[in-house]
Amino acid sequence: MKTQTFELKFENGTLIIPTNIQNYFNNSQEKIKVSLTIESSSQETNNLKEEWEKWFEEVDKLKPTDAQIEIDDYQQLLIDKYRKEGLDL
């Protein structure tokens, strides 16, 4: 199977398929398989990665507490927490 690469446009939340791609689909005698790879040029991905790495580093530095909470107490504390947030259990 030969590979053909096209660039698509994305405008206002809509994927635009250019005429040359539509013509390729319409004129192809072969079975076509389409794969889509999305590349982002925004900085948001890098910032998000850095934020998660920072969070994991901080969590790794946390020291366990000496307080022991019984299972039943923990369950009750968890239920109380969610009730305060409005969850009806």
Protein backbone atom coordinates (compact mmCIF):
# COMPACT_ATOMS: atom_id res chain seq x y z
CA MET A 1 0.00 0.00 0.00
CA LYS A 2 1.46 3.36 -0.97
CA THR A 3 1.34 6.28 1.42
CA GLN A 4 0.15 9.75 0.54
CA THR A 5 0.47 12.64 3.01
CA PHE A 6 -1.88 15.60 3.05
CA GLU A 7 -2.28 18.56 5.38
CA LEU A 8 -5.73 19.38 6.68
CA LYS A 9 -6.88 22.67 8.12
CA PHE A 10 -8.78 23.19 11.35
CA GLU A 11 -10.88 26.34 11.50
CA ASN A 12 -13.43 27.35 14.14
CA GLY A 13 -13.74 23.82 15.49
CA THR A 14 -14.20 22.26 12.04
CA LEU A 15 -11.78 20.00 10.19
CA ILE A 16 -11.48 21.26 6.61
CA ILE A 17 -10.78 18.65 3.91
CA PRO A 18 -9.27 20.46 0.89
CA THR A 19 -10.47 19.76 -2.63
CA ASN A 20 -7.26 17.93 -3.62
CA ILE A 21 -7.87 15.36 -0.88
CA GLN A 22 -11.51 14.94 -1.85
CA ASN A 23 -10.40 14.39 -5.47
CA TYR A 24 -7.83 11.82 -4.33
CA PHE A 25 -10.55 9.90 -2.46
CA ASN A 26 -12.97 10.07 -5.38
CA ASN A 27 -10.42 9.03 -8.02
CA SER A 28 -8.65 6.28 -6.10
CA GLN A 29 -9.23 2.75 -7.38
CA GLU A 30 -7.70 1.23 -4.25
CA LYS A 31 -9.10 0.68 -0.80
CA ILE A 32 -8.17 3.71 1.33
CA LYS A 33 -7.15 3.69 4.97
CA VAL A 34 -6.95 7.08 6.69
CA SER A 35 -4.84 7.79 9.78
CA LEU A 36 -4.81 11.11 11.56
CA THR A 37 -1.85 12.52 13.48
CA ILE A 38 -2.37 15.72 15.42
CA GLU A 39 0.58 17.97 16.17
CA SER A 40 0.22 20.98 18.40
CA SER A 41 2.57 23.92 18.28
CA SER A 42 1.23 25.45 21.46
CA GLN A 43 3.23 25.86 24.63
CA GLU A 44 0.36 24.51 26.75
CA THR A 45 1.49 20.90 26.39
CA ASN A 46 4.98 21.71 27.64
CA ASN A 47 3.63 23.78 30.53
CA LEU A 48 1.28 20.99 31.55
CA LYS A 49 4.11 18.47 31.46
CA GLU A 50 6.31 20.73 33.58
CA GLU A 51 3.51 21.28 36.10
CA TRP A 52 2.93 17.52 36.50
CA GLU A 53 6.67 16.88 36.87
CA LYS A 54 6.86 19.57 39.55
CA TRP A 55 3.86 18.05 41.36
CA PHE A 56 5.40 14.55 41.31
CA GLU A 57 8.70 15.92 42.63
CA GLU A 58 6.88 17.64 45.51
CA VAL A 59 4.89 14.50 46.30
CA ASP A 60 8.10 12.44 46.35
CA LYS A 61 9.46 14.83 49.01
CA LEU A 62 6.45 14.41 51.29
CA LYS A 63 7.11 12.58 54.52
CA PRO A 64 4.57 10.12 55.85
CA THR A 65 2.72 11.22 58.96
CA ASP A 66 2.90 9.31 62.21
CA ALA A 67 -0.86 9.48 62.67
CA GLN A 68 -2.60 6.18 62.23
CA ILE A 69 -6.24 6.35 61.23
CA GLU A 70 -8.40 3.31 61.74
CA ILE A 71 -10.20 2.01 58.66
CA ASP A 72 -13.64 2.73 60.13
CA ASP A 73 -12.57 6.25 61.10
CA TYR A 74 -11.20 6.88 57.61
CA GLN A 75 -14.42 5.72 55.98
CA GLN A 76 -16.46 7.98 58.25
CA LEU A 77 -14.15 10.95 57.62
CA LEU A 78 -14.47 10.39 53.87
CA ILE A 79 -18.26 10.15 54.05
CA ASP A 80 -18.42 13.31 56.21
CA LYS A 81 -16.24 15.16 53.71
CA TYR A 82 -18.52 14.33 50.79
CA ARG A 83 -21.65 15.17 52.79
CA LYS A 84 -20.21 18.63 53.48
CA GLU A 85 -19.81 19.05 49.72
CA GLY A 86 -23.48 18.27 49.24
CA LEU A 87 -23.35 14.60 48.24
CA ASP A 88 -26.28 12.68 49.68
CA LEU A 89 -25.09 9.25 50.75
